[in-house]
């Protein structure tokens, strides 16, 4: 259970999820990456997915940011890049696709 602005809501935990997203390094070329995220929590009635910065910090990642991006680094290498929802916004978004297990199996076999 967690307290929201309007209510107390039930949280459901899923074990894991894989997302495909674009990483935008500061001084490099953008590239696509598939990332494994866990634990993932589901809130009933929420129409978007939220990432917990605390989970990334507990995973010993460094977060750097300015008003144009929010970058998560592991061992000084970028792993996730979030951008403002709209210019000037303080809410940052990660544009990603949740990967079904079948597509991950196909990608693995192609390597």
Protein backbone atom coordinates (compact mmCIF):
# COMPACT_ATOMS: atom_id res chain seq x y z
CA UNK A 1 0.00 0.00 0.00
CA UNK A 2 1.19 3.52 -0.77
CA UNK A 3 -0.23 6.95 -0.07
CA UNK A 4 -1.05 9.00 -3.18
CA UNK A 5 -2.28 12.59 -3.37
CA UNK A 6 -5.92 11.46 -3.28
CA UNK A 7 -5.94 8.04 -1.72
CA UNK A 8 -4.16 4.95 -0.49
CA UNK A 9 -3.67 2.43 -3.28
CA UNK A 10 -2.63 -1.20 -3.63
CA UNK A 11 0.76 -1.88 -5.23
CA UNK A 12 1.39 -5.05 -7.21
CA UNK A 13 4.94 -6.15 -7.94
CA UNK A 14 6.02 -7.84 -11.15
CA UNK A 15 9.34 -9.60 -11.21
CA UNK A 16 11.01 -8.02 -14.22
CA UNK A 17 10.54 -6.14 -17.48
CA UNK A 18 12.75 -5.48 -20.51
CA UNK A 19 12.50 -2.15 -22.30
CA UNK A 20 14.03 -0.94 -25.55
CA UNK A 21 14.99 2.73 -25.58
CA UNK A 22 17.41 5.20 -27.15
CA UNK A 23 20.45 6.35 -25.19
CA UNK A 24 21.67 9.86 -26.07
CA UNK A 25 25.26 10.25 -24.84
CA UNK A 26 26.49 13.80 -24.28
CA UNK A 27 29.32 13.65 -26.81
CA UNK A 28 28.43 10.63 -28.89
CA UNK A 29 26.02 9.04 -31.31
CA UNK A 30 22.58 7.93 -30.13
CA UNK A 31 22.04 4.18 -29.98
CA UNK A 32 19.23 1.76 -29.14
CA UNK A 33 19.53 -0.44 -26.07
CA UNK A 34 17.43 -3.09 -24.33
CA UNK A 35 17.50 -2.77 -20.55
CA UNK A 36 16.36 -5.16 -17.82
CA UNK A 37 14.46 -3.40 -15.01
CA UNK A 38 13.48 -4.87 -11.65
CA UNK A 39 11.63 -4.68 -9.36
CA UNK A 40 8.66 -3.29 -11.25
CA UNK A 41 5.62 -2.12 -9.29
CA UNK A 42 2.14 -1.75 -10.78
CA UNK A 43 -0.40 0.74 -9.48
CA UNK A 44 -4.03 0.05 -10.34
CA UNK A 45 -5.52 2.72 -12.60
CA UNK A 46 -2.21 4.36 -13.51
CA UNK A 47 -2.08 5.06 -17.25
CA UNK A 48 1.70 5.51 -17.46
CA UNK A 49 4.78 3.78 -16.06
CA UNK A 50 6.95 5.44 -13.42
CA UNK A 51 10.64 4.85 -12.77
CA UNK A 52 12.01 5.26 -9.25
CA UNK A 53 15.21 7.32 -9.16
CA UNK A 54 15.87 5.74 -5.77
CA UNK A 55 16.07 2.27 -7.35
CA UNK A 56 18.70 3.52 -9.80
CA UNK A 57 20.67 5.23 -7.02
CA UNK A 58 20.50 2.07 -4.89
CA UNK A 59 21.96 0.25 -7.92
CA UNK A 60 24.99 2.58 -7.58
CA UNK A 61 24.14 4.58 -10.69
CA UNK A 62 25.02 8.24 -11.03
CA UNK A 63 22.41 10.71 -12.28
CA UNK A 64 23.41 13.87 -14.13
CA UNK A 65 21.00 16.40 -15.54
CA UNK A 66 20.21 19.83 -16.85
CA UNK A 67 16.98 21.28 -18.21
CA UNK A 68 17.35 19.27 -21.46
CA UNK A 69 18.05 15.75 -20.20
CA UNK A 70 18.32 13.44 -17.21
CA UNK A 71 21.03 10.80 -17.70
CA UNK A 72 21.59 7.65 -15.65
CA UNK A 73 25.20 6.39 -15.68
CA UNK A 74 26.68 3.07 -14.61
CA UNK A 75 30.49 2.93 -14.41
CA UNK A 76 30.52 6.39 -16.06
CA UNK A 77 28.67 5.05 -19.13
CA UNK A 78 25.12 6.23 -19.99
CA UNK A 79 22.41 3.60 -19.58
CA UNK A 80 19.20 5.67 -19.73
CA UNK A 81 18.41 9.14 -21.07
CA UNK A 82 15.19 10.94 -20.14
CA UNK A 83 13.96 14.18 -21.68
CA UNK A 84 11.42 16.77 -20.52
CA UNK A 85 7.82 15.92 -21.35
CA UNK A 86 7.55 19.38 -22.94
CA UNK A 87 10.15 22.15 -23.18
CA UNK A 88 10.58 23.76 -19.77
CA UNK A 89 8.84 20.90 -17.95
CA UNK A 90 10.22 19.49 -14.70
CA UNK A 91 8.77 16.06 -15.51
CA UNK A 92 11.18 13.90 -17.50
CA UNK A 93 10.15 11.00 -19.74
CA UNK A 94 11.92 7.91 -21.01
CA UNK A 95 10.58 7.01 -24.43
CA UNK A 96 10.66 3.23 -24.45
CA UNK A 97 8.91 0.08 -25.58
CA UNK A 98 8.21 -2.84 -23.25
CA UNK A 99 9.57 -5.95 -24.94
CA UNK A 100 7.48 -9.13 -24.97
CA UNK A 101 9.43 -12.23 -23.98
CA UNK A 102 9.01 -13.70 -27.49
CA UNK A 103 10.83 -10.78 -29.14
CA UNK A 104 13.73 -11.09 -26.67
CA UNK A 105 14.10 -14.76 -27.55
CA UNK A 106 14.17 -13.89 -31.25
CA UNK A 107 16.79 -11.15 -30.71
CA UNK A 108 18.97 -13.51 -28.67
CA UNK A 109 18.84 -16.23 -31.35
CA UNK A 110 19.89 -13.76 -34.06
CA UNK A 111 23.19 -12.96 -32.32
